[in-house]
PDB file of all heavy atoms in Angstrom:
ATOM      1  N   THR A   1     -18.062 -17.829   2.745  1.00  0.00           N
ATOM      2  CA  THR A   1     -18.304 -19.282   2.496  1.00  0.00           C
ATOM      3  C   THR A   1     -18.019 -19.716   1.025  1.00  0.00           C
ATOM      4  O   THR A   1     -18.573 -20.719   0.668  1.00  0.00           O
ATOM      5  CB  THR A   1     -19.703 -19.682   2.998  1.00  0.00           C
ATOM      6  OG1 THR A   1     -20.677 -19.136   2.045  1.00  0.00           O
ATOM      7  CG2 THR A   1     -20.042 -19.201   4.373  1.00  0.00           C
ATOM      8  N   VAL A   2     -17.229 -18.960   0.354  1.00  0.00           N
ATOM      9  CA  VAL A   2     -16.848 -19.285  -1.027  1.00  0.00           C
ATOM     10  C   VAL A   2     -15.510 -20.041  -0.954  1.00  0.00           C
ATOM     11  O   VAL A   2     -14.486 -19.436  -0.809  1.00  0.00           O
ATOM     12  CB  VAL A   2     -16.745 -18.065  -1.901  1.00  0.00           C
ATOM     13  CG1 VAL A   2     -16.337 -18.477  -3.320  1.00  0.00           C
ATOM     14  CG2 VAL A   2     -18.077 -17.371  -1.994  1.00  0.00           C
ATOM     15  N   SER A   3     -15.557 -21.316  -1.100  1.00  0.00           N
ATOM     16  CA  SER A   3     -14.369 -22.157  -0.965  1.00  0.00           C
ATOM     17  C   SER A   3     -13.313 -21.738  -2.008  1.00  0.00           C
ATOM     18  O   SER A   3     -13.621 -21.573  -3.165  1.00  0.00           O
ATOM     19  CB  SER A   3     -14.683 -23.649  -1.164  1.00  0.00           C
ATOM     20  OG  SER A   3     -13.555 -24.445  -1.209  1.00  0.00           O
ATOM     21  N   GLY A   4     -12.031 -21.487  -1.610  1.00  0.00           N
ATOM     22  CA  GLY A   4     -10.975 -21.217  -2.467  1.00  0.00           C
ATOM     23  C   GLY A   4     -10.982 -19.848  -3.026  1.00  0.00           C
ATOM     24  O   GLY A   4     -10.228 -19.565  -3.999  1.00  0.00           O
ATOM     25  N   ALA A   5     -11.722 -18.946  -2.500  1.00  0.00           N
ATOM     26  CA  ALA A   5     -11.847 -17.570  -3.064  1.00  0.00           C
ATOM     27  C   ALA A   5     -10.555 -16.850  -2.996  1.00  0.00           C
ATOM     28  O   ALA A   5     -10.248 -16.033  -3.860  1.00  0.00           O
ATOM     29  CB  ALA A   5     -13.003 -16.797  -2.342  1.00  0.00           C
ATOM     30  N   PHE A   6      -9.799 -17.130  -1.974  1.00  0.00           N
ATOM     31  CA  PHE A   6      -8.476 -16.450  -1.805  1.00  0.00           C
ATOM     32  C   PHE A   6      -7.447 -17.336  -2.605  1.00  0.00           C
ATOM     33  O   PHE A   6      -6.749 -18.198  -2.040  1.00  0.00           O
ATOM     34  CB  PHE A   6      -8.027 -16.332  -0.312  1.00  0.00           C
ATOM     35  CG  PHE A   6      -8.928 -15.444   0.485  1.00  0.00           C
ATOM     36  CD1 PHE A   6      -8.740 -15.364   1.827  1.00  0.00           C
ATOM     37  CD2 PHE A   6      -9.915 -14.634  -0.093  1.00  0.00           C
ATOM     38  CE1 PHE A   6      -9.554 -14.501   2.639  1.00  0.00           C
ATOM     39  CE2 PHE A   6     -10.714 -13.799   0.642  1.00  0.00           C
ATOM     40  CZ  PHE A   6     -10.491 -13.681   2.036  1.00  0.00           C
ATOM     41  N   THR A   7      -7.347 -17.063  -3.873  1.00  0.00           N
ATOM     42  CA  THR A   7      -6.480 -17.821  -4.771  1.00  0.00           C
ATOM     43  C   THR A   7      -5.044 -17.422  -4.617  1.00  0.00           C
ATOM     44  O   THR A   7      -4.735 -16.511  -3.916  1.00  0.00           O
ATOM     45  CB  THR A   7      -6.915 -17.590  -6.196  1.00  0.00           C
ATOM     46  OG1 THR A   7      -6.750 -16.168  -6.502  1.00  0.00           O
ATOM     47  CG2 THR A   7      -8.424 -17.944  -6.426  1.00  0.00           C
ATOM     48  N   LYS A   8      -4.142 -18.168  -5.349  1.00  0.00           N
ATOM     49  CA  LYS A   8      -2.772 -17.836  -5.289  1.00  0.00           C
ATOM     50  C   LYS A   8      -2.521 -16.399  -5.766  1.00  0.00           C
ATOM     51  O   LYS A   8      -1.731 -15.668  -5.101  1.00  0.00           O
ATOM     52  CB  LYS A   8      -1.973 -18.798  -6.141  1.00  0.00           C
ATOM     53  CG  LYS A   8      -0.463 -18.475  -6.138  1.00  0.00           C
ATOM     54  CD  LYS A   8       0.287 -19.297  -7.221  1.00  0.00           C
ATOM     55  CE  LYS A   8       0.293 -20.787  -6.806  1.00  0.00           C
ATOM     56  NZ  LYS A   8       1.123 -21.634  -7.717  1.00  0.00           N
ATOM     57  N   ASP A   9      -3.260 -15.998  -6.790  1.00  0.00           N
ATOM     58  CA  ASP A   9      -3.078 -14.594  -7.283  1.00  0.00           C
ATOM     59  C   ASP A   9      -3.533 -13.613  -6.250  1.00  0.00           C
ATOM     60  O   ASP A   9      -2.898 -12.532  -6.112  1.00  0.00           O
ATOM     61  CB  ASP A   9      -3.952 -14.439  -8.602  1.00  0.00           C
ATOM     62  CG  ASP A   9      -3.327 -15.199  -9.781  1.00  0.00           C
ATOM     63  OD1 ASP A   9      -2.130 -15.506  -9.723  1.00  0.00           O
ATOM     64  OD2 ASP A   9      -4.087 -15.404 -10.751  1.00  0.00           O
ATOM     65  N   VAL A  10      -4.605 -13.866  -5.557  1.00  0.00           N
ATOM     66  CA  VAL A  10      -5.111 -12.967  -4.518  1.00  0.00           C
ATOM     67  C   VAL A  10      -4.083 -12.860  -3.379  1.00  0.00           C
ATOM     68  O   VAL A  10      -3.748 -11.743  -2.923  1.00  0.00           O
ATOM     69  CB  VAL A  10      -6.482 -13.409  -3.976  1.00  0.00           C
ATOM     70  CG1 VAL A  10      -6.820 -12.582  -2.758  1.00  0.00           C
ATOM     71  CG2 VAL A  10      -7.601 -13.199  -5.032  1.00  0.00           C
ATOM     72  N   VAL A  11      -3.616 -13.979  -2.932  1.00  0.00           N
ATOM     73  CA  VAL A  11      -2.658 -13.938  -1.804  1.00  0.00           C
ATOM     74  C   VAL A  11      -1.362 -13.240  -2.216  1.00  0.00           C
ATOM     75  O   VAL A  11      -0.812 -12.442  -1.474  1.00  0.00           O
ATOM     76  CB  VAL A  11      -2.369 -15.419  -1.303  1.00  0.00           C
ATOM     77  CG1 VAL A  11      -1.236 -15.403  -0.291  1.00  0.00           C
ATOM     78  CG2 VAL A  11      -3.651 -15.985  -0.747  1.00  0.00           C
ATOM     79  N   ARG A  12      -0.877 -13.511  -3.434  1.00  0.00           N
ATOM     80  CA  ARG A  12       0.344 -12.882  -3.842  1.00  0.00           C
ATOM     81  C   ARG A  12       0.126 -11.306  -4.034  1.00  0.00           C
ATOM     82  O   ARG A  12       1.046 -10.532  -3.767  1.00  0.00           O
ATOM     83  CB  ARG A  12       0.896 -13.535  -5.104  1.00  0.00           C
ATOM     84  CG  ARG A  12       1.405 -14.945  -4.791  1.00  0.00           C
ATOM     85  CD  ARG A  12       2.089 -15.625  -5.936  1.00  0.00           C
ATOM     86  NE  ARG A  12       2.783 -16.864  -5.547  1.00  0.00           N
ATOM     87  CZ  ARG A  12       3.343 -17.656  -6.375  1.00  0.00           C
ATOM     88  NH1 ARG A  12       3.290 -17.463  -7.659  1.00  0.00           N
ATOM     89  NH2 ARG A  12       3.935 -18.750  -5.885  1.00  0.00           N
ATOM     90  N   ALA A  13      -1.014 -10.984  -4.602  1.00  0.00           N
ATOM     91  CA  ALA A  13      -1.275  -9.533  -4.766  1.00  0.00           C
ATOM     92  C   ALA A  13      -1.375  -8.872  -3.400  1.00  0.00           C
ATOM     93  O   ALA A  13      -0.906  -7.721  -3.206  1.00  0.00           O
ATOM     94  CB  ALA A  13      -2.604  -9.338  -5.503  1.00  0.00           C
ATOM     95  N   LEU A  14      -1.925  -9.557  -2.415  1.00  0.00           N
ATOM     96  CA  LEU A  14      -2.022  -9.080  -1.005  1.00  0.00           C
ATOM     97  C   LEU A  14      -0.585  -8.774  -0.497  1.00  0.00           C
ATOM     98  O   LEU A  14      -0.360  -7.718   0.165  1.00  0.00           O
ATOM     99  CB  LEU A  14      -2.704 -10.083  -0.170  1.00  0.00           C
ATOM    100  CG  LEU A  14      -2.969  -9.660   1.278  1.00  0.00           C
ATOM    101  CD1 LEU A  14      -3.983  -8.488   1.396  1.00  0.00           C
ATOM    102  CD2 LEU A  14      -3.474 -10.893   2.083  1.00  0.00           C
ATOM    103  N   CYS A  15       0.327  -9.719  -0.731  1.00  0.00           N
ATOM    104  CA  CYS A  15       1.660  -9.545  -0.211  1.00  0.00           C
ATOM    105  C   CYS A  15       2.473  -8.535  -0.974  1.00  0.00           C
ATOM    106  O   CYS A  15       3.470  -7.985  -0.479  1.00  0.00           O
ATOM    107  CB  CYS A  15       2.389 -10.917  -0.200  1.00  0.00           C
ATOM    108  SG  CYS A  15       1.607 -12.128   0.959  1.00  0.00           S
ATOM    109  N   GLU A  16       2.140  -8.340  -2.209  1.00  0.00           N
ATOM    110  CA  GLU A  16       2.836  -7.275  -2.992  1.00  0.00           C
ATOM    111  C   GLU A  16       2.448  -5.907  -2.529  1.00  0.00           C
ATOM    112  O   GLU A  16       3.297  -4.947  -2.608  1.00  0.00           O
ATOM    113  CB  GLU A  16       2.495  -7.430  -4.430  1.00  0.00           C
ATOM    114  CG  GLU A  16       3.127  -8.647  -5.164  1.00  0.00           C
ATOM    115  CD  GLU A  16       2.665  -8.850  -6.563  1.00  0.00           C
ATOM    116  OE1 GLU A  16       1.886  -7.933  -7.065  1.00  0.00           O
ATOM    117  OE2 GLU A  16       3.069  -9.805  -7.232  1.00  0.00           O
ATOM    118  N   GLY A  17       1.244  -5.806  -1.890  1.00  0.00           N
ATOM    119  CA  GLY A  17       0.840  -4.441  -1.407  1.00  0.00           C
ATOM    120  C   GLY A  17       1.444  -4.089  -0.095  1.00  0.00           C
ATOM    121  O   GLY A  17       1.760  -2.926   0.124  1.00  0.00           O
ATOM    122  N   VAL A  18       1.656  -5.025   0.865  1.00  0.00           N
ATOM    123  CA  VAL A  18       2.247  -4.753   2.127  1.00  0.00           C
ATOM    124  C   VAL A  18       3.107  -5.984   2.553  1.00  0.00           C
ATOM    125  O   VAL A  18       2.933  -7.085   2.068  1.00  0.00           O
ATOM    126  CB  VAL A  18       1.142  -4.600   3.252  1.00  0.00           C
ATOM    127  CG1 VAL A  18       0.310  -3.325   2.971  1.00  0.00           C
ATOM    128  CG2 VAL A  18       0.188  -5.773   3.332  1.00  0.00           C
ATOM    129  N   ASP A  19       4.024  -5.699   3.449  1.00  0.00           N
ATOM    130  CA  ASP A  19       5.016  -6.727   3.825  1.00  0.00           C
ATOM    131  C   ASP A  19       4.419  -7.843   4.626  1.00  0.00           C
ATOM    132  O   ASP A  19       4.659  -8.985   4.366  1.00  0.00           O
ATOM    133  CB  ASP A  19       6.130  -6.114   4.603  1.00  0.00           C
ATOM    134  CG  ASP A  19       7.037  -5.158   3.750  1.00  0.00           C
ATOM    135  OD1 ASP A  19       7.051  -5.319   2.546  1.00  0.00           O
ATOM    136  OD2 ASP A  19       7.661  -4.290   4.319  1.00  0.00           O
ATOM    137  N   ARG A  20       3.621  -7.546   5.617  1.00  0.00           N
ATOM    138  CA  ARG A  20       3.039  -8.547   6.514  1.00  0.00           C
ATOM    139  C   ARG A  20       1.491  -8.355   6.677  1.00  0.00           C
ATOM    140  O   ARG A  20       1.049  -7.850   7.603  1.00  0.00           O
ATOM    141  CB  ARG A  20       3.679  -8.431   7.933  1.00  0.00           C
ATOM    142  CG  ARG A  20       5.145  -8.671   8.050  1.00  0.00           C
ATOM    143  CD  ARG A  20       5.613 -10.062   7.523  1.00  0.00           C
ATOM    144  NE  ARG A  20       4.935 -11.180   8.153  1.00  0.00           N
ATOM    145  CZ  ARG A  20       5.308 -11.784   9.275  1.00  0.00           C
ATOM    146  NH1 ARG A  20       6.348 -11.292   9.987  1.00  0.00           N
ATOM    147  NH2 ARG A  20       4.698 -12.883   9.698  1.00  0.00           N
ATOM    148  N   PRO A  21       0.757  -8.770   5.636  1.00  0.00           N
ATOM    149  CA  PRO A  21      -0.669  -8.595   5.698  1.00  0.00           C
ATOM    150  C   PRO A  21      -1.298  -9.573   6.728  1.00  0.00           C
ATOM    151  O   PRO A  21      -0.819 -10.616   6.968  1.00  0.00           O
ATOM    152  CB  PRO A  21      -1.192  -8.917   4.256  1.00  0.00           C
ATOM    153  CG  PRO A  21      -0.077  -9.939   3.752  1.00  0.00           C
ATOM    154  CD  PRO A  21       1.222  -9.445   4.429  1.00  0.00           C
ATOM    155  N   ILE A  22      -2.436  -9.059   7.288  1.00  0.00           N
ATOM    156  CA  ILE A  22      -3.220  -9.935   8.143  1.00  0.00           C
ATOM    157  C   ILE A  22      -4.306 -10.584   7.298  1.00  0.00           C
ATOM    158  O   ILE A  22      -5.124  -9.932   6.743  1.00  0.00           O
ATOM    159  CB  ILE A  22      -3.829  -9.138   9.335  1.00  0.00           C
ATOM    160  CG1 ILE A  22      -2.718  -8.509  10.170  1.00  0.00           C
ATOM    161  CG2 ILE A  22      -4.749  -9.977  10.177  1.00  0.00           C
ATOM    162  CD1 ILE A  22      -3.170  -7.532  11.194  1.00  0.00           C
ATOM    163  N   LEU A  23      -4.290 -11.913   7.311  1.00  0.00           N
ATOM    164  CA  LEU A  23      -5.168 -12.747   6.369  1.00  0.00           C
ATOM    165  C   LEU A  23      -6.056 -13.631   7.264  1.00  0.00           C
ATOM    166  O   LEU A  23      -5.509 -14.507   7.899  1.00  0.00           O
ATOM    167  CB  LEU A  23      -4.279 -13.478   5.404  1.00  0.00           C
ATOM    168  CG  LEU A  23      -5.088 -14.435   4.395  1.00  0.00           C
ATOM    169  CD1 LEU A  23      -5.995 -13.551   3.520  1.00  0.00           C
ATOM    170  CD2 LEU A  23      -4.096 -15.237   3.540  1.00  0.00           C
ATOM    171  N   LEU A  24      -7.347 -13.378   7.187  1.00  0.00           N
ATOM    172  CA  LEU A  24      -8.257 -14.072   8.116  1.00  0.00           C
ATOM    173  C   LEU A  24      -9.387 -14.749   7.250  1.00  0.00           C
ATOM    174  O   LEU A  24     -10.479 -14.195   7.126  1.00  0.00           O
ATOM    175  CB  LEU A  24      -8.912 -13.084   9.105  1.00  0.00           C
ATOM    176  CG  LEU A  24      -7.909 -12.263   9.902  1.00  0.00           C
ATOM    177  CD1 LEU A  24      -8.601 -11.300  10.866  1.00  0.00           C
ATOM    178  CD2 LEU A  24      -7.015 -13.122  10.738  1.00  0.00           C
ATOM    179  N   PRO A  25      -9.122 -15.987   6.759  1.00  0.00           N
ATOM    180  CA  PRO A  25     -10.208 -16.761   6.115  1.00  0.00           C
ATOM    181  C   PRO A  25     -11.051 -17.409   7.196  1.00  0.00           C
ATOM    182  O   PRO A  25     -10.695 -18.473   7.678  1.00  0.00           O
ATOM    183  CB  PRO A  25      -9.398 -17.771   5.275  1.00  0.00           C
ATOM    184  CG  PRO A  25      -8.118 -17.971   6.030  1.00  0.00           C
ATOM    185  CD  PRO A  25      -7.818 -16.654   6.730  1.00  0.00           C
ATOM    186  N   LEU A  26     -12.180 -16.872   7.461  1.00  0.00           N
ATOM    187  CA  LEU A  26     -12.953 -17.258   8.645  1.00  0.00           C
ATOM    188  C   LEU A  26     -14.152 -18.157   8.374  1.00  0.00           C
ATOM    189  O   LEU A  26     -14.805 -18.613   9.276  1.00  0.00           O
ATOM    190  CB  LEU A  26     -13.419 -16.010   9.420  1.00  0.00           C
ATOM    191  CG  LEU A  26     -12.331 -15.081   9.892  1.00  0.00           C
ATOM    192  CD1 LEU A  26     -12.967 -13.817  10.454  1.00  0.00           C
ATOM    193  CD2 LEU A  26     -11.455 -15.737  10.892  1.00  0.00           C
ATOM    194  N   SER A  27     -14.436 -18.421   7.122  1.00  0.00           N
ATOM    195  CA  SER A  27     -15.617 -19.228   6.808  1.00  0.00           C
ATOM    196  C   SER A  27     -15.408 -20.714   7.234  1.00  0.00           C
ATOM    197  O   SER A  27     -14.268 -21.259   7.227  1.00  0.00           O
ATOM    198  CB  SER A  27     -15.939 -19.209   5.280  1.00  0.00           C
ATOM    199  OG  SER A  27     -16.335 -17.902   4.893  1.00  0.00           O
ATOM    200  N   ASN A  28     -16.477 -21.276   7.691  1.00  0.00           N
ATOM    201  CA  ASN A  28     -16.417 -22.682   8.020  1.00  0.00           C
ATOM    202  C   ASN A  28     -17.751 -23.290   7.604  1.00  0.00           C
ATOM    203  O   ASN A  28     -18.744 -22.668   7.271  1.00  0.00           O
ATOM    204  CB  ASN A  28     -16.201 -22.850   9.497  1.00  0.00           C
ATOM    205  CG  ASN A  28     -17.321 -22.192  10.382  1.00  0.00           C
ATOM    206  OD1 ASN A  28     -18.461 -22.696  10.442  1.00  0.00           O
ATOM    207  ND2 ASN A  28     -17.025 -21.095  11.020  1.00  0.00           N
ATOM    208  N   PRO A  29     -17.804 -24.668   7.466  1.00  0.00           N
ATOM    209  CA  PRO A  29     -16.769 -25.681   7.783  1.00  0.00           C
ATOM    210  C   PRO A  29     -15.602 -25.660   6.746  1.00  0.00           C
ATOM    211  O   PRO A  29     -15.493 -24.750   5.895  1.00  0.00           O
ATOM    212  CB  PRO A  29     -17.543 -27.047   7.734  1.00  0.00           C
ATOM    213  CG  PRO A  29     -18.593 -26.727   6.723  1.00  0.00           C
ATOM    214  CD  PRO A  29     -18.994 -25.326   6.931  1.00  0.00           C
ATOM    215  N   THR A  30     -14.709 -26.622   6.818  1.00  0.00           N
ATOM    216  CA  THR A  30     -13.490 -26.656   6.021  1.00  0.00           C
ATOM    217  C   THR A  30     -13.903 -26.566   4.524  1.00  0.00           C
ATOM    218  O   THR A  30     -13.134 -25.969   3.710  1.00  0.00           O
ATOM    219  CB  THR A  30     -12.797 -27.981   6.296  1.00  0.00           C
ATOM    220  OG1 THR A  30     -12.398 -28.014   7.668  1.00  0.00           O
ATOM    221  CG2 THR A  30     -11.484 -28.066   5.482  1.00  0.00           C
ATOM    222  N   SER A  31     -14.994 -27.201   4.153  1.00  0.00           N
ATOM    223  CA  SER A  31     -15.362 -27.142   2.726  1.00  0.00           C
ATOM    224  C   SER A  31     -15.652 -25.817   2.169  1.00  0.00           C
ATOM    225  O   SER A  31     -15.751 -25.606   0.972  1.00  0.00           O
ATOM    226  CB  SER A  31     -16.581 -28.097   2.510  1.00  0.00           C
ATOM    227  OG  SER A  31     -17.668 -27.637   3.223  1.00  0.00           O
ATOM    228  N   ARG A  32     -15.825 -24.760   3.044  1.00  0.00           N
ATOM    229  CA  ARG A  32     -16.188 -23.473   2.691  1.00  0.00           C
ATOM    230  C   ARG A  32     -15.166 -22.381   2.980  1.00  0.00           C
ATOM    231  O   ARG A  32     -15.396 -21.203   2.697  1.00  0.00           O
ATOM    232  CB  ARG A  32     -17.497 -23.050   3.323  1.00  0.00           C
ATOM    233  CG  ARG A  32     -18.634 -24.011   2.959  1.00  0.00           C
ATOM    234  CD  ARG A  32     -19.991 -23.436   3.421  1.00  0.00           C
ATOM    235  NE  ARG A  32     -21.077 -24.348   3.030  1.00  0.00           N
ATOM    236  CZ  ARG A  32     -22.362 -24.004   3.047  1.00  0.00           C
ATOM    237  NH1 ARG A  32     -22.755 -22.799   3.415  1.00  0.00           N
ATOM    238  NH2 ARG A  32     -23.246 -24.881   2.735  1.00  0.00           N
ATOM    239  N   ILE A  33     -13.954 -22.775   3.479  1.00  0.00           N
ATOM    240  CA  ILE A  33     -12.947 -21.782   3.795  1.00  0.00           C
ATOM    241  C   ILE A  33     -12.317 -21.163   2.547  1.00  0.00           C
ATOM    242  O   ILE A  33     -12.205 -21.830   1.530  1.00  0.00           O
ATOM    243  CB  ILE A  33     -11.870 -22.440   4.669  1.00  0.00           C
ATOM    244  CG1 ILE A  33     -10.936 -21.354   5.301  1.00  0.00           C
ATOM    245  CG2 ILE A  33     -11.072 -23.499   3.923  1.00  0.00           C
ATOM    246  CD1 ILE A  33     -10.006 -21.890   6.352  1.00  0.00           C
ATOM    247  N   GLU A  34     -12.058 -19.892   2.684  1.00  0.00           N
ATOM    248  CA  GLU A  34     -11.539 -19.123   1.468  1.00  0.00           C
ATOM    249  C   GLU A  34     -10.184 -19.627   1.069  1.00  0.00           C
ATOM    250  O   GLU A  34      -9.859 -19.547  -0.143  1.00  0.00           O
ATOM    251  CB  GLU A  34     -11.537 -17.635   1.766  1.00  0.00           C
ATOM    252  CG  GLU A  34     -12.897 -16.979   1.784  1.00  0.00           C
ATOM    253  CD  GLU A  34     -13.580 -17.144   3.176  1.00  0.00           C
ATOM    254  OE1 GLU A  34     -12.966 -17.749   4.109  1.00  0.00           O
ATOM    255  OE2 GLU A  34     -14.749 -16.692   3.288  1.00  0.00           O
ATOM    256  N   VAL A  35      -9.288 -20.000   1.914  1.00  0.00           N
ATOM    257  CA  VAL A  35      -8.036 -20.611   1.572  1.00  0.00           C
ATOM    258  C   VAL A  35      -7.554 -21.435   2.745  1.00  0.00           C
ATOM    259  O   VAL A  35      -7.732 -21.052   3.953  1.00  0.00           O
ATOM    260  CB  VAL A  35      -6.998 -19.466   1.313  1.00  0.00           C
ATOM    261  CG1 VAL A  35      -6.691 -18.570   2.500  1.00  0.00           C
ATOM    262  CG2 VAL A  35      -5.677 -20.026   0.788  1.00  0.00           C
ATOM    263  N   MET A  36      -6.967 -22.553   2.423  1.00  0.00           N
ATOM    264  CA  MET A  36      -6.357 -23.423   3.488  1.00  0.00           C
ATOM    265  C   MET A  36      -5.058 -22.787   4.006  1.00  0.00           C
ATOM    266  O   MET A  36      -4.321 -22.233   3.172  1.00  0.00           O
ATOM    267  CB  MET A  36      -6.158 -24.795   2.965  1.00  0.00           C
ATOM    268  CG  MET A  36      -7.453 -25.571   2.725  1.00  0.00           C
ATOM    269  SD  MET A  36      -8.473 -25.747   4.195  1.00  0.00           S
ATOM    270  CE  MET A  36      -7.429 -26.826   5.224  1.00  0.00           C
ATOM    271  N   PRO A  37      -4.769 -22.857   5.287  1.00  0.00           N
ATOM    272  CA  PRO A  37      -3.584 -22.216   5.835  1.00  0.00           C
ATOM    273  C   PRO A  37      -2.286 -22.584   5.122  1.00  0.00           C
ATOM    274  O   PRO A  37      -1.415 -21.798   4.896  1.00  0.00           O
ATOM    275  CB  PRO A  37      -3.600 -22.583   7.290  1.00  0.00           C
ATOM    276  CG  PRO A  37      -5.038 -22.861   7.594  1.00  0.00           C
ATOM    277  CD  PRO A  37      -5.604 -23.468   6.335  1.00  0.00           C
ATOM    278  N   HIS A  38      -2.133 -23.916   4.856  1.00  0.00           N
ATOM    279  CA  HIS A  38      -0.844 -24.357   4.245  1.00  0.00           C
ATOM    280  C   HIS A  38      -0.631 -23.718   2.914  1.00  0.00           C
ATOM    281  O   HIS A  38       0.488 -23.390   2.520  1.00  0.00           O
ATOM    282  CB  HIS A  38      -0.762 -25.883   4.131  1.00  0.00           C
ATOM    283  CG  HIS A  38      -1.901 -26.521   3.365  1.00  0.00           C
ATOM    284  ND1 HIS A  38      -1.873 -26.622   2.007  1.00  0.00           N
ATOM    285  CD2 HIS A  38      -3.041 -27.146   3.815  1.00  0.00           C
ATOM    286  CE1 HIS A  38      -2.988 -27.219   1.618  1.00  0.00           C
ATOM    287  NE2 HIS A  38      -3.668 -27.570   2.654  1.00  0.00           N
ATOM    288  N   ASP A  39      -1.739 -23.481   2.119  1.00  0.00           N
ATOM    289  CA  ASP A  39      -1.579 -22.814   0.843  1.00  0.00           C
ATOM    290  C   ASP A  39      -1.223 -21.315   1.062  1.00  0.00           C
ATOM    291  O   ASP A  39      -0.376 -20.784   0.348  1.00  0.00           O
ATOM    292  CB  ASP A  39      -2.890 -22.895   0.066  1.00  0.00           C
ATOM    293  CG  ASP A  39      -3.163 -24.216  -0.509  1.00  0.00           C
ATOM    294  OD1 ASP A  39      -2.144 -24.969  -0.794  1.00  0.00           O
ATOM    295  OD2 ASP A  39      -4.320 -24.614  -0.692  1.00  0.00           O
ATOM    296  N   ALA A  40      -1.899 -20.684   2.008  1.00  0.00           N
ATOM    297  CA  ALA A  40      -1.653 -19.234   2.264  1.00  0.00           C
ATOM    298  C   ALA A  40      -0.225 -18.986   2.737  1.00  0.00           C
ATOM    299  O   ALA A  40       0.415 -18.046   2.318  1.00  0.00           O
ATOM    300  CB  ALA A  40      -2.685 -18.762   3.270  1.00  0.00           C
TER     301      ALA A  40
END
């Protein structure tokens, strides 16, 4: 429930580690999601 916790740096580091990572930002409501899908 930490809004924006999956930052650009986190997402890019994730993709540098593996080709197709599974990314599941599951917190809700929208104000608490870790990353919005369009950003990810």
